Amino acid sequence: MLVADGTVLKGRFTGVAALLYWLGCFGFTVMASLVAFIDLRAVRLETQKEHRALFESTLQKIEKEKRERTQKSNGHPSDSNQTE
């Protein structure tokens, strides 16, 4: 829009028309910035959810491996909830 005003539209807008043109340019810029910030927030929230899910699944995997190692070293059956 800036290039268009400096080349193709040069001298066509004066006074109120130029003011309206630049207000329109400003409005589009503000809207584009708002959309970018909304998208940034959505991506950040999605990344946080994925990070949390990965962290929790990793912890569960570690706990499972620890239980399996403990059961193997103690000679217990694979189901530690059974009572003998």
PDB file of N, CA and C in Angstrom:
ATOM      1  N   MET A   1       0.832  -1.186   0.000  1.00  0.00           N
ATOM      2  CA  MET A   1       0.000   0.000   0.000  1.00  0.00           C
ATOM      3  C   MET A   1       0.880   1.254   0.000  1.00  0.00           C
ATOM      4  N   LEU A   2       1.982   1.153   0.720  1.00  0.00           N
ATOM      5  CA  LEU A   2       2.911   2.279   0.735  1.00  0.00           C
ATOM      6  C   LEU A   2       3.518   2.479  -0.649  1.00  0.00           C
ATOM      7  N   VAL A   3       3.910   1.383  -1.285  1.00  0.00           N
ATOM      8  CA  VAL A   3       4.486   1.463  -2.625  1.00  0.00           C
ATOM      9  C   VAL A   3       3.436   1.968  -3.612  1.00  0.00           C
ATOM     10  N   ALA A   4       2.212   1.466  -3.476  1.00  0.00           N
ATOM     11  CA  ALA A   4       1.145   1.905  -4.383  1.00  0.00           C
ATOM     12  C   ALA A   4       0.908   3.402  -4.249  1.00  0.00           C
ATOM     13  N   ASP A   5       0.945   3.921  -3.035  1.00  0.00           N
ATOM     14  CA  ASP A   5       0.724   5.349  -2.828  1.00  0.00           C
ATOM     15  C   ASP A   5       1.877   6.167  -3.404  1.00  0.00           C
ATOM     16  N   GLY A   6       3.085   5.613  -3.364  1.00  0.00           N
ATOM     17  CA  GLY A   6       4.236   6.349  -3.878  1.00  0.00           C
ATOM     18  C   GLY A   6       4.405   6.242  -5.378  1.00  0.00           C
ATOM     19  N   THR A   7       3.721   5.290  -6.017  1.00  0.00           N
ATOM     20  CA  THR A   7       3.909   5.101  -7.460  1.00  0.00           C
ATOM     21  C   THR A   7       2.594   5.260  -8.224  1.00  0.00           C
ATOM     22  N   VAL A   8       1.760   4.245  -8.193  1.00  0.00           N
ATOM     23  CA  VAL A   8       0.548   4.213  -9.013  1.00  0.00           C
ATOM     24  C   VAL A   8      -0.459   5.279  -8.588  1.00  0.00           C
ATOM     25  N   LEU A   9      -0.630   5.440  -7.293  1.00  0.00           N
ATOM     26  CA  LEU A   9      -1.653   6.369  -6.799  1.00  0.00           C
ATOM     27  C   LEU A   9      -1.109   7.773  -6.505  1.00  0.00           C
ATOM     28  N   LYS A  10       0.134   8.012  -6.854  1.00  0.00           N
ATOM     29  CA  LYS A  10       0.768   9.294  -6.527  1.00  0.00           C
ATOM     30  C   LYS A  10      -0.034  10.459  -7.110  1.00  0.00           C
ATOM     31  N   GLY A  11      -0.450  11.356  -6.245  1.00  0.00           N
ATOM     32  CA  GLY A  11      -1.175  12.549  -6.657  1.00  0.00           C
ATOM     33  C   GLY A  11      -2.668  12.359  -6.847  1.00  0.00           C
ATOM     34  N   ARG A  12      -3.169  11.129  -6.770  1.00  0.00           N
ATOM     35  CA  ARG A  12      -4.599  10.904  -6.983  1.00  0.00           C
ATOM     36  C   ARG A  12      -5.421  11.208  -5.740  1.00  0.00           C
ATOM     37  N   PHE A  13      -4.840  10.969  -4.571  1.00  0.00           N
ATOM     38  CA  PHE A  13      -5.560  11.224  -3.314  1.00  0.00           C
ATOM     39  C   PHE A  13      -5.035  12.493  -2.679  1.00  0.00           C
ATOM     40  N   THR A  14      -5.978  13.382  -2.336  1.00  0.00           N
ATOM     41  CA  THR A  14      -5.616  14.601  -1.614  1.00  0.00           C
ATOM     42  C   THR A  14      -6.648  14.832  -0.529  1.00  0.00           C
ATOM     43  N   GLY A  15      -6.220  15.476   0.512  1.00  0.00           N
ATOM     44  CA  GLY A  15      -7.130  15.852   1.576  1.00  0.00           C
ATOM     45  C   GLY A  15      -7.770  14.666   2.275  1.00  0.00           C
ATOM     46  N   VAL A  16      -9.115  14.637   2.285  1.00  0.00           N
ATOM     47  CA  VAL A  16      -9.877  13.617   2.993  1.00  0.00           C
ATOM     48  C   VAL A  16      -9.650  12.238   2.374  1.00  0.00           C
ATOM     49  N   ALA A  17      -9.544  12.147   1.084  1.00  0.00           N
ATOM     50  CA  ALA A  17      -9.324  10.863   0.423  1.00  0.00           C
ATOM     51  C   ALA A  17      -7.990  10.260   0.851  1.00  0.00           C
ATOM     52  N   ALA A  18      -6.952  11.071   0.948  1.00  0.00           N
ATOM     53  CA  ALA A  18      -5.641  10.583   1.400  1.00  0.00           C
ATOM     54  C   ALA A  18      -5.721  10.133   2.850  1.00  0.00           C
ATOM     55  N   LEU A  19      -6.436  10.910   3.661  1.00  0.00           N
ATOM     56  CA  LEU A  19      -6.593  10.543   5.069  1.00  0.00           C
ATOM     57  C   LEU A  19      -7.325   9.214   5.198  1.00  0.00           C
ATOM     58  N   LEU A  20      -8.398   9.019   4.446  1.00  0.00           N
ATOM     59  CA  LEU A  20      -9.145   7.762   4.482  1.00  0.00           C
ATOM     60  C   LEU A  20      -8.284   6.597   3.977  1.00  0.00           C
ATOM     61  N   TYR A  21      -7.503   6.846   2.938  1.00  0.00           N
ATOM     62  CA  TYR A  21      -6.615   5.807   2.418  1.00  0.00           C
ATOM     63  C   TYR A  21      -5.638   5.357   3.501  1.00  0.00           C
ATOM     64  N   TRP A  22      -5.007   6.309   4.160  1.00  0.00           N
ATOM     65  CA  TRP A  22      -4.017   5.949   5.190  1.00  0.00           C
ATOM     66  C   TRP A  22      -4.671   5.359   6.434  1.00  0.00           C
ATOM     67  N   LEU A  23      -5.876   5.786   6.752  1.00  0.00           N
ATOM     68  CA  LEU A  23      -6.602   5.151   7.861  1.00  0.00           C
ATOM     69  C   LEU A  23      -6.926   3.695   7.513  1.00  0.00           C
ATOM     70  N   GLY A  24      -7.284   3.447   6.261  1.00  0.00           N
ATOM     71  CA  GLY A  24      -7.527   2.072   5.807  1.00  0.00           C
ATOM     72  C   GLY A  24      -6.255   1.239   5.895  1.00  0.00           C
ATOM     73  N   CYS A  25      -5.145   1.820   5.459  1.00  0.00           N
ATOM     74  CA  CYS A  25      -3.856   1.118   5.558  1.00  0.00           C
ATOM     75  C   CYS A  25      -3.532   0.801   7.016  1.00  0.00           C
ATOM     76  N   PHE A  26      -3.731   1.780   7.873  1.00  0.00           N
ATOM     77  CA  PHE A  26      -3.472   1.582   9.295  1.00  0.00           C
ATOM     78  C   PHE A  26      -4.391   0.502   9.865  1.00  0.00           C
ATOM     79  N   GLY A  27      -5.659   0.529   9.474  1.00  0.00           N
ATOM     80  CA  GLY A  27      -6.614  -0.476   9.951  1.00  0.00           C
ATOM     81  C   GLY A  27      -6.217  -1.885   9.536  1.00  0.00           C
ATOM     82  N   PHE A  28      -5.808  -2.046   8.281  1.00  0.00           N
ATOM     83  CA  PHE A  28      -5.360  -3.366   7.815  1.00  0.00           C
ATOM     84  C   PHE A  28      -4.109  -3.825   8.567  1.00  0.00           C
ATOM     85  N   THR A  29      -3.214  -2.889   8.846  1.00  0.00           N
ATOM     86  CA  THR A  29      -1.999  -3.227   9.587  1.00  0.00           C
ATOM     87  C   THR A  29      -2.330  -3.676  11.001  1.00  0.00           C
ATOM     88  N   VAL A  30      -3.245  -2.979  11.642  1.00  0.00           N
ATOM     89  CA  VAL A  30      -3.650  -3.344  12.998  1.00  0.00           C
ATOM     90  C   VAL A  30      -4.335  -4.706  12.997  1.00  0.00           C
ATOM     91  N   MET A  31      -5.225  -4.940  12.036  1.00  0.00           N
ATOM     92  CA  MET A  31      -5.903  -6.238  11.959  1.00  0.00           C
ATOM     93  C   MET A  31      -4.912  -7.373  11.718  1.00  0.00           C
ATOM     94  N   ALA A  32      -3.949  -7.150  10.839  1.00  0.00           N
ATOM     95  CA  ALA A  32      -2.942  -8.181  10.571  1.00  0.00           C
ATOM     96  C   ALA A  32      -2.113  -8.457  11.827  1.00  0.00           C
ATOM     97  N   SER A  33      -1.788  -7.426  12.563  1.00  0.00           N
ATOM     98  CA  SER A  33      -1.024  -7.605  13.809  1.00  0.00           C
ATOM     99  C   SER A  33      -1.837  -8.381  14.836  1.00  0.00           C
ATOM    100  N   LEU A  34      -3.120  -8.065  14.960  1.00  0.00           N
ATOM    101  CA  LEU A  34      -3.973  -8.781  15.908  1.00  0.00           C
ATOM    102  C   LEU A  34      -4.092 -10.261  15.541  1.00  0.00           C
ATOM    103  N   VAL A  35      -4.277 -10.542  14.268  1.00  0.00           N
ATOM    104  CA  VAL A  35      -4.356 -11.936  13.823  1.00  0.00           C
ATOM    105  C   VAL A  35      -3.042 -12.653  14.126  1.00  0.00           C
ATOM    106  N   ALA A  36      -1.929 -11.976  13.911  1.00  0.00           N
ATOM    107  CA  ALA A  36      -0.624 -12.580  14.194  1.00  0.00           C
ATOM    108  C   ALA A  36      -0.479 -12.886  15.680  1.00  0.00           C
ATOM    109  N   PHE A  37      -0.888 -11.970  16.546  1.00  0.00           N
ATOM    110  CA  PHE A  37      -0.793 -12.208  17.986  1.00  0.00           C
ATOM    111  C   PHE A  37      -1.731 -13.324  18.445  1.00  0.00           C
ATOM    112  N   ILE A  38      -2.919 -13.382  17.870  1.00  0.00           N
ATOM    113  CA  ILE A  38      -3.852 -14.459  18.208  1.00  0.00           C
ATOM    114  C   ILE A  38      -3.267 -15.801  17.789  1.00  0.00           C
ATOM    115  N   ASP A  39      -2.693 -15.845  16.593  1.00  0.00           N
ATOM    116  CA  ASP A  39      -2.061 -17.077  16.114  1.00  0.00           C
ATOM    117  C   ASP A  39      -0.867 -17.450  16.990  1.00  0.00           C
ATOM    118  N   LEU A  40      -0.087 -16.475  17.369  1.00  0.00           N
ATOM    119  CA  LEU A  40       1.057 -16.717  18.247  1.00  0.00           C
ATOM    120  C   LEU A  40       0.604 -17.331  19.566  1.00  0.00           C
ATOM    121  N   ARG A  41      -0.456 -16.809  20.131  1.00  0.00           N
ATOM    122  CA  ARG A  41      -0.983 -17.337  21.394  1.00  0.00           C
ATOM    123  C   ARG A  41      -1.488 -18.771  21.224  1.00  0.00           C
ATOM    124  N   ALA A  42      -2.174 -19.022  20.123  1.00  0.00           N
ATOM    125  CA  ALA A  42      -2.694 -20.375  19.866  1.00  0.00           C
ATOM    126  C   ALA A  42      -1.548 -21.374  19.702  1.00  0.00           C
ATOM    127  N   VAL A  43      -0.518 -20.985  18.976  1.00  0.00           N
ATOM    128  CA  VAL A  43       0.631 -21.867  18.789  1.00  0.00           C
ATOM    129  C   VAL A  43       1.334 -22.111  20.120  1.00  0.00           C
ATOM    130  N   ARG A  44       1.476 -21.063  20.932  1.00  0.00           N
ATOM    131  CA  ARG A  44       2.121 -21.206  22.237  1.00  0.00           C
ATOM    132  C   ARG A  44       1.328 -22.148  23.151  1.00  0.00           C
ATOM    133  N   LEU A  45       0.017 -22.013  23.174  1.00  0.00           N
ATOM    134  CA  LEU A  45      -0.807 -22.893  24.000  1.00  0.00           C
ATOM    135  C   LEU A  45      -0.720 -24.335  23.526  1.00  0.00           C
ATOM    136  N   GLU A  46      -0.743 -24.540  22.215  1.00  0.00           N
ATOM    137  CA  GLU A  46      -0.629 -25.892  21.666  1.00  0.00           C
ATOM    138  C   GLU A  46       0.735 -26.497  22.010  1.00  0.00           C
ATOM    139  N   THR A  47       1.767 -25.700  21.922  1.00  0.00           N
ATOM    140  CA  THR A  47       3.106 -26.175  22.260  1.00  0.00           C
ATOM    141  C   THR A  47       3.192 -26.549  23.733  1.00  0.00           C
ATOM    142  N   GLN A  48       2.585 -25.743  24.593  1.00  0.00           N
ATOM    143  CA  GLN A  48       2.579 -26.061  26.023  1.00  0.00           C
ATOM    144  C   GLN A  48       1.844 -27.364  26.296  1.00  0.00           C
ATOM    145  N   LYS A  49       0.714 -27.580  25.640  1.00  0.00           N
ATOM    146  CA  LYS A  49      -0.040 -28.822  25.824  1.00  0.00           C
ATOM    147  C   LYS A  49       0.785 -30.021  25.376  1.00  0.00           C
ATOM    148  N   GLU A  50       1.416 -29.902  24.223  1.00  0.00           N
ATOM    149  CA  GLU A  50       2.239 -31.002  23.718  1.00  0.00           C
ATOM    150  C   GLU A  50       3.435 -31.260  24.629  1.00  0.00           C
ATOM    151  N   HIS A  51       4.032 -30.196  25.137  1.00  0.00           N
ATOM    152  CA  HIS A  51       5.166 -30.340  26.049  1.00  0.00           C
ATOM    153  C   HIS A  51       4.730 -31.049  27.326  1.00  0.00           C
ATOM    154  N   ARG A  52       3.590 -30.656  27.864  1.00  0.00           N
ATOM    155  CA  ARG A  52       3.074 -31.274  29.081  1.00  0.00           C
ATOM    156  C   ARG A  52       2.754 -32.754  28.844  1.00  0.00           C
ATOM    157  N   ALA A  53       2.132 -33.061  27.709  1.00  0.00           N
ATOM    158  CA  ALA A  53       1.798 -34.452  27.393  1.00  0.00           C
ATOM    159  C   ALA A  53       3.063 -35.289  27.235  1.00  0.00           C
ATOM    160  N   LEU A  54       4.065 -34.754  26.572  1.00  0.00           N
ATOM    161  CA  LEU A  54       5.326 -35.468  26.404  1.00  0.00           C
ATOM    162  C   LEU A  54       6.003 -35.699  27.753  1.00  0.00           C
ATOM    163  N   PHE A  55       5.980 -34.697  28.601  1.00  0.00           N
ATOM    164  CA  PHE A  55       6.576 -34.807  29.940  1.00  0.00           C
ATOM    165  C   PHE A  55       5.876 -35.891  30.752  1.00  0.00           C
ATOM    166  N   GLU A  56       4.536 -35.878  30.733  1.00  0.00           N
ATOM    167  CA  GLU A  56       3.783 -36.874  31.499  1.00  0.00           C
ATOM    168  C   GLU A  56       4.000 -38.282  30.953  1.00  0.00           C
ATOM    169  N   SER A  57       4.021 -38.438  29.636  1.00  0.00           N
ATOM    170  CA  SER A  57       4.240 -39.772  29.076  1.00  0.00           C
ATOM    171  C   SER A  57       5.654 -40.265  29.380  1.00  0.00           C
ATOM    172  N   THR A  58       6.614 -39.362  29.388  1.00  0.00           N
ATOM    173  CA  THR A  58       7.990 -39.744  29.728  1.00  0.00           C
ATOM    174  C   THR A  58       8.073 -40.183  31.180  1.00  0.00           C
ATOM    175  N   LEU A  59       7.408 -39.446  32.069  1.00  0.00           N
ATOM    176  CA  LEU A  59       7.400 -39.838  33.486  1.00  0.00           C
ATOM    177  C   LEU A  59       6.745 -41.205  33.677  1.00  0.00           C
ATOM    178  N   GLN A  60       5.645 -41.439  32.973  1.00  0.00           N
ATOM    179  CA  GLN A  60       4.979 -42.743  33.079  1.00  0.00           C
ATOM    180  C   GLN A  60       5.877 -43.855  32.572  1.00  0.00           C
ATOM    181  N   LYS A  61       6.582 -43.607  31.503  1.00  0.00           N
ATOM    182  CA  LYS A  61       7.494 -44.609  30.954  1.00  0.00           C
ATOM    183  C   LYS A  61       8.620 -44.909  31.953  1.00  0.00           C
ATOM    184  N   ILE A  62       9.163 -43.879  32.571  1.00  0.00           N
ATOM    185  CA  ILE A  62      10.233 -44.059  33.556  1.00  0.00           C
ATOM    186  C   ILE A  62       9.720 -44.850  34.753  1.00  0.00           C
ATOM    187  N   GLU A  63       8.524 -44.500  35.242  1.00  0.00           N
ATOM    188  CA  GLU A  63       7.944 -45.221  36.377  1.00  0.00           C
ATOM    189  C   GLU A  63       7.717 -46.692  36.035  1.00  0.00           C
ATOM    190  N   LYS A  64       7.232 -46.967  34.832  1.00  0.00           N
ATOM    191  CA  LYS A  64       6.983 -48.347  34.402  1.00  0.00           C
ATOM    192  C   LYS A  64       8.294 -49.129  34.342  1.00  0.00           C
ATOM    193  N   GLU A  65       9.323 -48.534  33.769  1.00  0.00           N
ATOM    194  CA  GLU A  65      10.623 -49.202  33.678  1.00  0.00           C
ATOM    195  C   GLU A  65      11.207 -49.448  35.070  1.00  0.00           C
ATOM    196  N   LYS A  66      11.016 -48.504  35.972  1.00  0.00           N
ATOM    197  CA  LYS A  66      11.522 -48.659  37.341  1.00  0.00           C
ATOM    198  C   LYS A  66      10.808 -49.815  38.036  1.00  0.00           C
ATOM    199  N   ARG A  67       9.470 -49.893  37.875  1.00  0.00           N
ATOM    200  CA  ARG A  67       8.712 -50.996  38.477  1.00  0.00           C
ATOM    201  C   ARG A  67       9.180 -52.336  37.931  1.00  0.00           C
ATOM    202  N   GLU A  68       9.382 -52.388  36.611  1.00  0.00           N
ATOM    203  CA  GLU A  68       9.817 -53.643  35.990  1.00  0.00           C
ATOM    204  C   GLU A  68      11.192 -54.061  36.492  1.00  0.00           C
ATOM    205  N   ARG A  69      12.109 -53.103  36.629  1.00  0.00           N
ATOM    206  CA  ARG A  69      13.441 -53.429  37.141  1.00  0.00           C
ATOM    207  C   ARG A  69      13.383 -53.889  38.589  1.00  0.00           C
ATOM    208  N   THR A  70      12.551 -53.213  39.380  1.00  0.00           N
ATOM    209  CA  THR A  70      12.414 -53.574  40.791  1.00  0.00           C
ATOM    210  C   THR A  70      11.821 -54.968  40.925  1.00  0.00           C
ATOM    211  N   GLN A  71      10.815 -55.266  40.110  1.00  0.00           N
ATOM    212  CA  GLN A  71      10.191 -56.594  40.165  1.00  0.00           C
ATOM    213  C   GLN A  71      11.161 -57.682  39.724  1.00  0.00           C
ATOM    214  N   LYS A  72      11.963 -57.433  38.726  1.00  0.00           N
ATOM    215  CA  LYS A  72      12.935 -58.419  38.261  1.00  0.00           C
ATOM    216  C   LYS A  72      14.013 -58.661  39.313  1.00  0.00           C
ATOM    217  N   SER A  73      14.471 -57.608  39.969  1.00  0.00           N
ATOM    218  CA  SER A  73      15.535 -57.766  40.961  1.00  0.00           C
ATOM    219  C   SER A  73      15.022 -58.430  42.236  1.00  0.00           C
ATOM    220  N   ASN A  74      13.746 -58.274  42.566  1.00  0.00           N
ATOM    221  CA  ASN A  74      13.158 -58.897  43.753  1.00  0.00           C
ATOM    222  C   ASN A  74      12.606 -60.289  43.457  1.00  0.00           C
ATOM    223  N   GLY A  75      12.546 -60.690  42.212  1.00  0.00           N
ATOM    224  CA  GLY A  75      12.025 -62.001  41.839  1.00  0.00           C
ATOM    225  C   GLY A  75      10.519 -62.100  41.955  1.00  0.00           C
ATOM    226  N   HIS A  76       9.822 -61.006  41.951  1.00  0.00           N
ATOM    227  CA  HIS A  76       8.358 -61.003  42.039  1.00  0.00           C
ATOM    228  C   HIS A  76       7.766 -61.211  40.664  1.00  0.00           C
ATOM    229  N   PRO A  77       6.517 -61.712  40.620  1.00  0.00           N
ATOM    230  CA  PRO A  77       5.833 -61.821  39.329  1.00  0.00           C
ATOM    231  C   PRO A  77       5.610 -60.437  38.719  1.00  0.00           C
ATOM    232  N   SER A  78       5.281 -60.403  37.455  1.00  0.00           N
ATOM    233  CA  SER A  78       5.146 -59.127  36.765  1.00  0.00           C
ATOM    234  C   SER A  78       4.001 -58.280  37.296  1.00  0.00           C
ATOM    235  N   ASP A  79       2.995 -58.897  37.922  1.00  0.00           N
ATOM    236  CA  ASP A  79       1.867 -58.146  38.490  1.00  0.00           C
ATOM    237  C   ASP A  79       2.130 -57.937  39.964  1.00  0.00           C
ATOM    238  N   SER A  80       2.541 -56.748  40.358  1.00  0.00           N
ATOM    239  CA  SER A  80       2.897 -56.481  41.745  1.00  0.00           C
ATOM    240  C   SER A  80       1.677 -56.286  42.634  1.00  0.00           C
ATOM    241  N   ASN A  81       0.471 -56.251  42.079  1.00  0.00           N
ATOM    242  CA  ASN A  81      -0.737 -56.045  42.863  1.00  0.00           C
ATOM    243  C   ASN A  81      -1.252 -57.351  43.462  1.00  0.00           C
ATOM    244  N   GLN A  82      -0.703 -58.483  43.053  1.00  0.00           N
ATOM    245  CA  GLN A  82      -1.179 -59.776  43.591  1.00  0.00           C
ATOM    246  C   GLN A  82      -0.619 -59.966  44.997  1.00  0.00           C
ATOM    247  N   THR A  83      -1.449 -60.540  45.866  1.00  0.00           N
ATOM    248  CA  THR A  83      -0.984 -60.830  47.225  1.00  0.00           C
ATOM    249  C   THR A  83      -0.599 -62.310  47.320  1.00  0.00           C
ATOM    250  N   GLU A  84       0.444 -62.583  48.065  1.00  0.00           N
ATOM    251  CA  GLU A  84       0.916 -63.965  48.167  1.00  0.00           C
ATOM    252  C   GLU A  84       0.469 -64.586  49.444  1.00  0.00           C
TER     253      GLU A  84
END
